[in-house]
């Protein structure tokens, strides 16, 4: 299904979707409208400001075209992508908006794979003309993926040389990548880079690892910073953490929210 937000113009692709899939497309457009309103409220910003940043990302930055160019380069290198995990989609556009809104100087991320989310975070830093992304990832190189501690098969598999491979070259000057497990590397990274403005969890999505990363990162977030997380609906880690810190949190995409955010007071 074509990814839609309220910023999309009536392009040939959108017209095609409206004609062939009117109900699904209408729902997607309505979802984009609701997301814009709820996100603006959560960030305390005018909707017009969010919409202008959204347009910059899609029309000026051409983020999707540039990521697809990197994908083609990887495919033409003779080393086929195995099971990369992640994708460029509207969910990651929201990560960009968080970066534009907060203007962070330090962003910390766990989990990279091919770097789809990393690219959106870095584009936000680039457009702000400030900030640095520190990423931690321990890629699984087995083509079959690996079984998590909860017995779930994670098919994500990326050759080490391709970690972060879809990140456009002009965005890499604000990026440091550490190839290591997040536990215990995350704690030592925070000690090195100081208080973070944004932390984004996107590594192994087990309850044990997610709750550990939330609890480890929270004391190292500055006041007014954001804890962001992927796949918050997979287990009870995110809602439990929200109860611990007495925050309702914010979720976007999907009936239960595919990703979530918490503001540190």
C-alpha atoms as a PDB file:
ATOM      1  CA  UNK A   1       0.000   0.000   0.000  1.00  0.00           C
ATOM      2  CA  UNK A   2       1.276   3.453  -0.949  1.00  0.00           C
ATOM      3  CA  UNK A   3       2.417   5.362   2.141  1.00  0.00           C
ATOM      4  CA  UNK A   4       0.378   8.495   2.642  1.00  0.00           C
ATOM      5  CA  UNK A   5       0.425  11.567   4.833  1.00  0.00           C
ATOM      6  CA  UNK A   6      -1.522  14.779   4.582  1.00  0.00           C
ATOM      7  CA  UNK A   7       1.476  16.357   2.856  1.00  0.00           C
ATOM      8  CA  UNK A   8       1.190  14.190  -0.256  1.00  0.00           C
ATOM      9  CA  UNK A   9       0.014  15.965  -3.365  1.00  0.00           C
ATOM     10  CA  UNK A  10      -2.316  14.401  -5.945  1.00  0.00           C
ATOM     11  CA  UNK A  11       0.485  12.639  -7.767  1.00  0.00           C
ATOM     12  CA  UNK A  12      -0.109   9.956 -10.414  1.00  0.00           C
ATOM     13  CA  UNK A  13       0.641   7.287  -7.789  1.00  0.00           C
ATOM     14  CA  UNK A  14      -1.846   8.783  -5.353  1.00  0.00           C
ATOM     15  CA  UNK A  15      -4.455   9.124  -8.099  1.00  0.00           C
ATOM     16  CA  UNK A  16      -3.912   5.457  -8.974  1.00  0.00           C
ATOM     17  CA  UNK A  17      -4.408   4.407  -5.366  1.00  0.00           C
ATOM     18  CA  UNK A  18      -7.517   6.548  -4.990  1.00  0.00           C
ATOM     19  CA  UNK A  19      -9.022   4.984  -8.108  1.00  0.00           C
ATOM     20  CA  UNK A  20      -8.107   1.350  -7.437  1.00  0.00           C
ATOM     21  CA  UNK A  21      -8.211   1.294  -3.616  1.00  0.00           C
ATOM     22  CA  UNK A  22     -10.572   4.122  -2.593  1.00  0.00           C
ATOM     23  CA  UNK A  23     -11.507   2.818   0.876  1.00  0.00           C
ATOM     24  CA  UNK A  24      -7.978   1.895   1.975  1.00  0.00           C
ATOM     25  CA  UNK A  25      -6.559   5.121   0.543  1.00  0.00           C
ATOM     26  CA  UNK A  26      -9.204   7.230   2.255  1.00  0.00           C
ATOM     27  CA  UNK A  27      -8.399   5.517   5.570  1.00  0.00           C
ATOM     28  CA  UNK A  28      -4.701   6.200   5.050  1.00  0.00           C
ATOM     29  CA  UNK A  29      -5.359   9.864   4.293  1.00  0.00           C
ATOM     30  CA  UNK A  30      -7.562  10.171   7.368  1.00  0.00           C
ATOM     31  CA  UNK A  31      -4.884   8.446   9.442  1.00  0.00           C
ATOM     32  CA  UNK A  32      -2.320  10.962   8.206  1.00  0.00           C
ATOM     33  CA  UNK A  33      -4.631  13.832   9.092  1.00  0.00           C
ATOM     34  CA  UNK A  34      -5.186  12.478  12.613  1.00  0.00           C
ATOM     35  CA  UNK A  35      -1.459  11.822  13.070  1.00  0.00           C
ATOM     36  CA  UNK A  36      -0.572  15.371  12.117  1.00  0.00           C
ATOM     37  CA  UNK A  37      -3.039  16.749  14.646  1.00  0.00           C
ATOM     38  CA  UNK A  38      -2.051  14.428  17.510  1.00  0.00           C
ATOM     39  CA  UNK A  39       1.687  14.806  16.899  1.00  0.00           C
ATOM     40  CA  UNK A  40       1.415  18.596  16.793  1.00  0.00           C
ATOM     41  CA  UNK A  41      -0.388  18.470  20.130  1.00  0.00           C
ATOM     42  CA  UNK A  42       2.216  16.153  21.679  1.00  0.00           C
ATOM     43  CA  UNK A  43       5.097  18.353  20.509  1.00  0.00           C
ATOM     44  CA  UNK A  44       3.301  21.598  21.324  1.00  0.00           C
ATOM     45  CA  UNK A  45       3.782  22.988  17.817  1.00  0.00           C
ATOM     46  CA  UNK A  46       1.448  24.422  15.173  1.00  0.00           C
ATOM     47  CA  UNK A  47       0.320  21.899  12.598  1.00  0.00           C
ATOM     48  CA  UNK A  48       1.472  24.261   9.863  1.00  0.00           C
ATOM     49  CA  UNK A  49       5.044  23.988  11.150  1.00  0.00           C
ATOM     50  CA  UNK A  50       4.961  20.192  11.084  1.00  0.00           C
ATOM     51  CA  UNK A  51       3.477  20.231   7.607  1.00  0.00           C
ATOM     52  CA  UNK A  52       6.220  22.536   6.298  1.00  0.00           C
ATOM     53  CA  UNK A  53       8.936  20.225   7.660  1.00  0.00           C
ATOM     54  CA  UNK A  54       7.122  17.222   6.185  1.00  0.00           C
ATOM     55  CA  UNK A  55       7.088  18.886   2.774  1.00  0.00           C
ATOM     56  CA  UNK A  56      10.806  19.680   3.048  1.00  0.00           C
ATOM     57  CA  UNK A  57      11.570  16.027   3.788  1.00  0.00           C
ATOM     58  CA  UNK A  58       9.516  14.640   0.915  1.00  0.00           C
ATOM     59  CA  UNK A  59       9.883  17.265  -1.785  1.00  0.00           C
ATOM     60  CA  UNK A  60      13.114  19.150  -1.134  1.00  0.00           C
ATOM     61  CA  UNK A  61      15.219  16.426   0.507  1.00  0.00           C
ATOM     62  CA  UNK A  62      13.815  13.677  -1.765  1.00  0.00           C
ATOM     63  CA  UNK A  63      14.530  11.247   1.061  1.00  0.00           C
ATOM     64  CA  UNK A  64      12.842   8.244  -0.558  1.00  0.00           C
ATOM     65  CA  UNK A  65      14.556   8.708  -3.906  1.00  0.00           C
ATOM     66  CA  UNK A  66      17.968   9.023  -2.256  1.00  0.00           C
ATOM     67  CA  UNK A  67      17.442   5.944  -0.086  1.00  0.00           C
ATOM     68  CA  UNK A  68      16.298   3.948  -3.113  1.00  0.00           C
ATOM     69  CA  UNK A  69      19.442   5.045  -4.942  1.00  0.00           C
ATOM     70  CA  UNK A  70      21.519   3.574  -2.123  1.00  0.00           C
ATOM     71  CA  UNK A  71      19.477   0.357  -2.257  1.00  0.00           C
ATOM     72  CA  UNK A  72      20.237   0.009  -5.966  1.00  0.00           C
ATOM     73  CA  UNK A  73      23.934   0.576  -5.305  1.00  0.00           C
ATOM     74  CA  UNK A  74      23.932  -2.214  -2.717  1.00  0.00           C
ATOM     75  CA  UNK A  75      22.101  -4.577  -5.065  1.00  0.00           C
ATOM     76  CA  UNK A  76      24.528  -3.848  -7.871  1.00  0.00           C
ATOM     77  CA  UNK A  77      27.566  -4.515  -5.675  1.00  0.00           C
ATOM     78  CA  UNK A  78      27.245  -8.266  -6.082  1.00  0.00           C
ATOM     79  CA  UNK A  79      26.418  -8.773  -2.398  1.00  0.00           C
ATOM     80  CA  UNK A  80      22.640  -9.288  -2.237  1.00  0.00           C
ATOM     81  CA  UNK A  81      20.777  -8.033   0.803  1.00  0.00           C
ATOM     82  CA  UNK A  82      19.650 -10.980   2.930  1.00  0.00           C
ATOM     83  CA  UNK A  83      16.835 -10.095   5.356  1.00  0.00           C
ATOM     84  CA  UNK A  84      17.533  -6.445   6.079  1.00  0.00           C
ATOM     85  CA  UNK A  85      14.689  -5.561   8.433  1.00  0.00           C
ATOM     86  CA  UNK A  86      13.124  -2.131   8.425  1.00  0.00           C
ATOM     87  CA  UNK A  87      12.065  -0.015   5.493  1.00  0.00           C
ATOM     88  CA  UNK A  88      11.652   3.569   4.448  1.00  0.00           C
ATOM     89  CA  UNK A  89       8.079   4.488   5.329  1.00  0.00           C
ATOM     90  CA  UNK A  90       5.822   7.088   6.894  1.00  0.00           C
ATOM     91  CA  UNK A  91       6.589   5.804  10.395  1.00  0.00           C
ATOM     92  CA  UNK A  92      10.185   6.945  10.035  1.00  0.00           C
ATOM     93  CA  UNK A  93       9.044  10.325   8.739  1.00  0.00           C
ATOM     94  CA  UNK A  94       7.843  10.973  12.294  1.00  0.00           C
ATOM     95  CA  UNK A  95      11.377  10.390  13.607  1.00  0.00           C
ATOM     96  CA  UNK A  96      12.508  13.190  11.297  1.00  0.00           C
ATOM     97  CA  UNK A  97       9.822  15.488  12.717  1.00  0.00           C
ATOM     98  CA  UNK A  98      10.944  14.791  16.296  1.00  0.00           C
ATOM     99  CA  UNK A  99      14.478  15.814  15.328  1.00  0.00           C
ATOM    100  CA  UNK A 100      13.345  18.968  13.550  1.00  0.00           C
ATOM    101  CA  UNK A 101      11.148  19.949  16.508  1.00  0.00           C
ATOM    102  CA  UNK A 102      13.677  19.345  19.296  1.00  0.00           C
ATOM    103  CA  UNK A 103      16.860  20.426  17.461  1.00  0.00           C
ATOM    104  CA  UNK A 104      18.916  17.855  19.424  1.00  0.00           C
ATOM    105  CA  UNK A 105      22.656  18.025  19.802  1.00  0.00           C
ATOM    106  CA  UNK A 106      23.024  14.362  20.871  1.00  0.00           C
ATOM    107  CA  UNK A 107      20.895  11.499  19.522  1.00  0.00           C
ATOM    108  CA  UNK A 108      21.539   7.882  20.546  1.00  0.00           C
ATOM    109  CA  UNK A 109      20.117   4.927  18.629  1.00  0.00           C
ATOM    110  CA  UNK A 110      20.288   1.166  19.146  1.00  0.00           C
ATOM    111  CA  UNK A 111      19.715  -1.087  16.150  1.00  0.00           C
ATOM    112  CA  UNK A 112      20.649  -0.047  12.632  1.00  0.00           C
ATOM    113  CA  UNK A 113      20.453  -2.940  10.123  1.00  0.00           C
ATOM    114  CA  UNK A 114      20.509  -1.240   6.701  1.00  0.00           C
ATOM    115  CA  UNK A 115      19.903   2.140   8.329  1.00  0.00           C
ATOM    116  CA  UNK A 116      16.428   3.207   7.229  1.00  0.00           C
ATOM    117  CA  UNK A 117      15.527   4.886  10.514  1.00  0.00           C
ATOM    118  CA  UNK A 118      19.077   6.204  10.831  1.00  0.00           C
ATOM    119  CA  UNK A 119      18.710   7.971   7.488  1.00  0.00           C
ATOM    120  CA  UNK A 120      15.602   9.849   8.628  1.00  0.00           C
ATOM    121  CA  UNK A 121      17.211  10.833  11.935  1.00  0.00           C
ATOM    122  CA  UNK A 122      20.321  12.035  10.119  1.00  0.00           C
ATOM    123  CA  UNK A 123      18.299  13.982   7.567  1.00  0.00           C
ATOM    124  CA  UNK A 124      16.696  15.860  10.447  1.00  0.00           C
ATOM    125  CA  UNK A 125      20.087  16.703  11.939  1.00  0.00           C
ATOM    126  CA  UNK A 126      21.325  17.786   8.502  1.00  0.00           C
ATOM    127  CA  UNK A 127      18.348  20.076   7.960  1.00  0.00           C
ATOM    128  CA  UNK A 128      18.812  21.542  11.457  1.00  0.00           C
ATOM    129  CA  UNK A 129      22.530  22.098  10.701  1.00  0.00           C
ATOM    130  CA  UNK A 130      23.447  20.749  14.143  1.00  0.00           C
ATOM    131  CA  UNK A 131      23.612  17.571  16.189  1.00  0.00           C
ATOM    132  CA  UNK A 132      25.195  14.120  15.986  1.00  0.00           C
ATOM    133  CA  UNK A 133      23.772  10.586  15.867  1.00  0.00           C
ATOM    134  CA  UNK A 134      25.512   7.833  17.849  1.00  0.00           C
ATOM    135  CA  UNK A 135      24.313   4.372  16.775  1.00  0.00           C
ATOM    136  CA  UNK A 136      24.964   0.930  18.264  1.00  0.00           C
ATOM    137  CA  UNK A 137      24.316  -2.256  16.324  1.00  0.00           C
ATOM    138  CA  UNK A 138      25.464  -5.872  16.368  1.00  0.00           C
ATOM    139  CA  UNK A 139      24.254  -7.178  13.001  1.00  0.00           C
ATOM    140  CA  UNK A 140      23.199 -10.796  12.594  1.00  0.00           C
ATOM    141  CA  UNK A 141      25.048 -12.180   9.598  1.00  0.00           C
ATOM    142  CA  UNK A 142      23.440 -15.639   9.506  1.00  0.00           C
ATOM    143  CA  UNK A 143      21.089 -15.739   6.474  1.00  0.00           C
ATOM    144  CA  UNK A 144      18.558 -17.602   8.634  1.00  0.00           C
ATOM    145  CA  UNK A 145      18.509 -14.808  11.213  1.00  0.00           C
ATOM    146  CA  UNK A 146      18.587 -15.720  14.897  1.00  0.00           C
ATOM    147  CA  UNK A 147      16.255 -16.867  17.645  1.00  0.00           C
ATOM    148  CA  UNK A 148      15.761 -14.304  20.409  1.00  0.00           C
ATOM    149  CA  UNK A 149      15.859 -15.051  24.122  1.00  0.00           C
ATOM    150  CA  UNK A 150      12.049 -15.300  23.973  1.00  0.00           C
ATOM    151  CA  UNK A 151      12.197 -18.017  21.317  1.00  0.00           C
ATOM    152  CA  UNK A 152      11.090 -15.768  18.443  1.00  0.00           C
ATOM    153  CA  UNK A 153      12.833 -16.057  15.083  1.00  0.00           C
ATOM    154  CA  UNK A 154      14.207 -12.677  14.014  1.00  0.00           C
ATOM    155  CA  UNK A 155      14.958 -12.928  10.299  1.00  0.00           C
ATOM    156  CA  UNK A 156      16.897  -9.657  10.146  1.00  0.00           C
ATOM    157  CA  UNK A 157      20.292 -10.458   8.645  1.00  0.00           C
ATOM    158  CA  UNK A 158      22.687  -7.858   7.263  1.00  0.00           C
ATOM    159  CA  UNK A 159      26.333  -8.329   6.261  1.00  0.00           C
ATOM    160  CA  UNK A 160      28.579  -6.212   8.463  1.00  0.00           C
ATOM    161  CA  UNK A 161      29.771  -4.209   5.457  1.00  0.00           C
ATOM    162  CA  UNK A 162      26.164  -3.289   4.641  1.00  0.00           C
ATOM    163  CA  UNK A 163      25.233  -2.041   8.121  1.00  0.00           C
ATOM    164  CA  UNK A 164      23.763   1.410   7.566  1.00  0.00           C
ATOM    165  CA  UNK A 165      24.169   0.924   3.835  1.00  0.00           C
ATOM    166  CA  UNK A 166      21.099   2.914   2.741  1.00  0.00           C
ATOM    167  CA  UNK A 167      22.195   6.085   4.545  1.00  0.00           C
ATOM    168  CA  UNK A 168      23.008   8.696   1.865  1.00  0.00           C
ATOM    169  CA  UNK A 169      26.670   9.685   1.782  1.00  0.00           C
ATOM    170  CA  UNK A 170      26.016  13.381   2.407  1.00  0.00           C
ATOM    171  CA  UNK A 171      24.414  12.580   5.784  1.00  0.00           C
ATOM    172  CA  UNK A 172      27.265  10.536   7.242  1.00  0.00           C
ATOM    173  CA  UNK A 173      29.324  13.430   8.622  1.00  0.00           C
ATOM    174  CA  UNK A 174      26.988  13.621  11.626  1.00  0.00           C
ATOM    175  CA  UNK A 175      27.076   9.888  12.361  1.00  0.00           C
ATOM    176  CA  UNK A 176      29.141   7.561  14.556  1.00  0.00           C
ATOM    177  CA  UNK A 177      28.446   3.802  14.349  1.00  0.00           C
ATOM    178  CA  UNK A 178      29.595   1.298  16.959  1.00  0.00           C
ATOM    179  CA  UNK A 179      29.340  -2.414  16.102  1.00  0.00           C
ATOM    180  CA  UNK A 180      28.670  -4.016  19.471  1.00  0.00           C
ATOM    181  CA  UNK A 181      25.772  -5.323  21.593  1.00  0.00           C
ATOM    182  CA  UNK A 182      23.710  -2.576  23.209  1.00  0.00           C
ATOM    183  CA  UNK A 183      24.074  -4.311  26.576  1.00  0.00           C
ATOM    184  CA  UNK A 184      26.469  -3.218  28.057  1.00  0.00           C
ATOM    185  CA  UNK A 185      27.707  -0.772  25.363  1.00  0.00           C
ATOM    186  CA  UNK A 186      24.786   1.632  25.757  1.00  0.00           C
ATOM    187  CA  UNK A 187      25.648   2.660  29.308  1.00  0.00           C
ATOM    188  CA  UNK A 188      29.288   3.379  28.468  1.00  0.00           C
ATOM    189  CA  UNK A 189      28.267   5.344  25.370  1.00  0.00           C
ATOM    190  CA  UNK A 190      26.068   7.625  27.444  1.00  0.00           C
ATOM    191  CA  UNK A 191      28.959   8.210  29.828  1.00  0.00           C
ATOM    192  CA  UNK A 192      31.070   9.232  26.823  1.00  0.00           C
ATOM    193  CA  UNK A 193      28.666  11.493  24.914  1.00  0.00           C
ATOM    194  CA  UNK A 194      26.936  13.056  27.924  1.00  0.00           C
ATOM    195  CA  UNK A 195      23.198  13.765  28.289  1.00  0.00           C
ATOM    196  CA  UNK A 196      21.208  12.876  25.174  1.00  0.00           C
ATOM    197  CA  UNK A 197      18.322  14.833  23.719  1.00  0.00           C
ATOM    198  CA  UNK A 198      16.783  11.798  21.979  1.00  0.00           C
ATOM    199  CA  UNK A 199      17.156   8.067  22.540  1.00  0.00           C
ATOM    200  CA  UNK A 200      15.674   5.675  19.971  1.00  0.00           C
ATOM    201  CA  UNK A 201      15.364   1.944  20.679  1.00  0.00           C
ATOM    202  CA  UNK A 202      15.351  -0.242  17.573  1.00  0.00           C
ATOM    203  CA  UNK A 203      17.531  -3.226  18.559  1.00  0.00           C
ATOM    204  CA  UNK A 204      16.289  -6.670  19.655  1.00  0.00           C
ATOM    205  CA  UNK A 205      12.606  -6.383  20.550  1.00  0.00           C
ATOM    206  CA  UNK A 206      12.427  -8.706  23.547  1.00  0.00           C
ATOM    207  CA  UNK A 207      10.823  -7.553  26.769  1.00  0.00           C
ATOM    208  CA  UNK A 208      14.085  -7.995  28.651  1.00  0.00           C
ATOM    209  CA  UNK A 209      16.153  -5.950  26.216  1.00  0.00           C
ATOM    210  CA  UNK A 210      13.576  -3.219  25.638  1.00  0.00           C
ATOM    211  CA  UNK A 211      12.902  -2.554  29.316  1.00  0.00           C
ATOM    212  CA  UNK A 212      16.647  -2.612  30.026  1.00  0.00           C
ATOM    213  CA  UNK A 213      17.334  -0.025  27.311  1.00  0.00           C
ATOM    214  CA  UNK A 214      14.470   2.191  28.467  1.00  0.00           C
ATOM    215  CA  UNK A 215      15.649   2.123  32.076  1.00  0.00           C
ATOM    216  CA  UNK A 216      19.301   2.582  31.099  1.00  0.00           C
ATOM    217  CA  UNK A 217      18.697   5.520  28.780  1.00  0.00           C
ATOM    218  CA  UNK A 218      16.122   7.398  30.877  1.00  0.00           C
ATOM    219  CA  UNK A 219      18.552   8.866  33.482  1.00  0.00           C
ATOM    220  CA  UNK A 220      20.809  10.010  30.624  1.00  0.00           C
ATOM    221  CA  UNK A 221      18.095  11.982  28.810  1.00  0.00           C
ATOM    222  CA  UNK A 222      18.079  15.695  29.466  1.00  0.00           C
ATOM    223  CA  UNK A 223      14.942  17.419  30.699  1.00  0.00           C
ATOM    224  CA  UNK A 224      12.683  17.987  27.687  1.00  0.00           C
ATOM    225  CA  UNK A 225      14.255  15.104  25.777  1.00  0.00           C
ATOM    226  CA  UNK A 226      12.441  12.179  24.193  1.00  0.00           C
ATOM    227  CA  UNK A 227      12.676   8.418  24.534  1.00  0.00           C
ATOM    228  CA  UNK A 228      11.493   6.883  21.253  1.00  0.00           C
ATOM    229  CA  UNK A 229      10.936   3.186  20.571  1.00  0.00           C
ATOM    230  CA  UNK A 230      10.149   0.902  17.676  1.00  0.00           C
ATOM    231  CA  UNK A 231       7.671  -2.008  17.871  1.00  0.00           C
ATOM    232  CA  UNK A 232       6.112  -1.006  21.177  1.00  0.00           C
ATOM    233  CA  UNK A 233       3.127  -3.308  20.570  1.00  0.00           C
ATOM    234  CA  UNK A 234       5.186  -6.534  20.522  1.00  0.00           C
ATOM    235  CA  UNK A 235       5.256  -6.939  24.308  1.00  0.00           C
ATOM    236  CA  UNK A 236       4.505  -5.103  27.570  1.00  0.00           C
ATOM    237  CA  UNK A 237       7.878  -3.355  27.949  1.00  0.00           C
ATOM    238  CA  UNK A 238       6.737   0.072  26.744  1.00  0.00           C
ATOM    239  CA  UNK A 239       3.450   0.237  28.709  1.00  0.00           C
ATOM    240  CA  UNK A 240       5.208  -1.067  31.820  1.00  0.00           C
ATOM    241  CA  UNK A 241       7.900   1.581  31.508  1.00  0.00           C
ATOM    242  CA  UNK A 242       5.261   4.272  31.010  1.00  0.00           C
ATOM    243  CA  UNK A 243       3.609   3.122  34.232  1.00  0.00           C
ATOM    244  CA  UNK A 244       6.955   3.230  36.048  1.00  0.00           C
ATOM    245  CA  UNK A 245       7.589   6.846  35.074  1.00  0.00           C
ATOM    246  CA  UNK A 246       3.892   7.782  35.322  1.00  0.00           C
ATOM    247  CA  UNK A 247       3.562   8.952  31.723  1.00  0.00           C
ATOM    248  CA  UNK A 248       0.859   8.010  29.188  1.00  0.00           C
ATOM    249  CA  UNK A 249       3.359   8.137  26.344  1.00  0.00           C
ATOM    250  CA  UNK A 250       2.495   8.734  22.706  1.00  0.00           C
ATOM    251  CA  UNK A 251       2.059   6.140  19.968  1.00  0.00           C
ATOM    252  CA  UNK A 252       1.792   6.347  16.231  1.00  0.00           C
ATOM    253  CA  UNK A 253       0.759   3.971  13.421  1.00  0.00           C
ATOM    254  CA  UNK A 254      -1.282   0.828  13.864  1.00  0.00           C
ATOM    255  CA  UNK A 255      -4.241   0.109  16.165  1.00  0.00           C
ATOM    256  CA  UNK A 256      -1.942  -0.181  19.171  1.00  0.00           C
ATOM    257  CA  UNK A 257       0.856   2.027  17.867  1.00  0.00           C
ATOM    258  CA  UNK A 258       3.875   0.637  16.063  1.00  0.00           C
ATOM    259  CA  UNK A 259       6.227   3.196  17.606  1.00  0.00           C
ATOM    260  CA  UNK A 260       6.096   5.152  20.831  1.00  0.00           C
ATOM    261  CA  UNK A 261       7.516   8.242  22.515  1.00  0.00           C
ATOM    262  CA  UNK A 262       7.871   9.515  26.064  1.00  0.00           C
ATOM    263  CA  UNK A 263       8.782  13.062  27.065  1.00  0.00           C
ATOM    264  CA  UNK A 264      11.222  13.417  29.972  1.00  0.00           C
ATOM    265  CA  UNK A 265       9.827  16.236  32.149  1.00  0.00           C
END
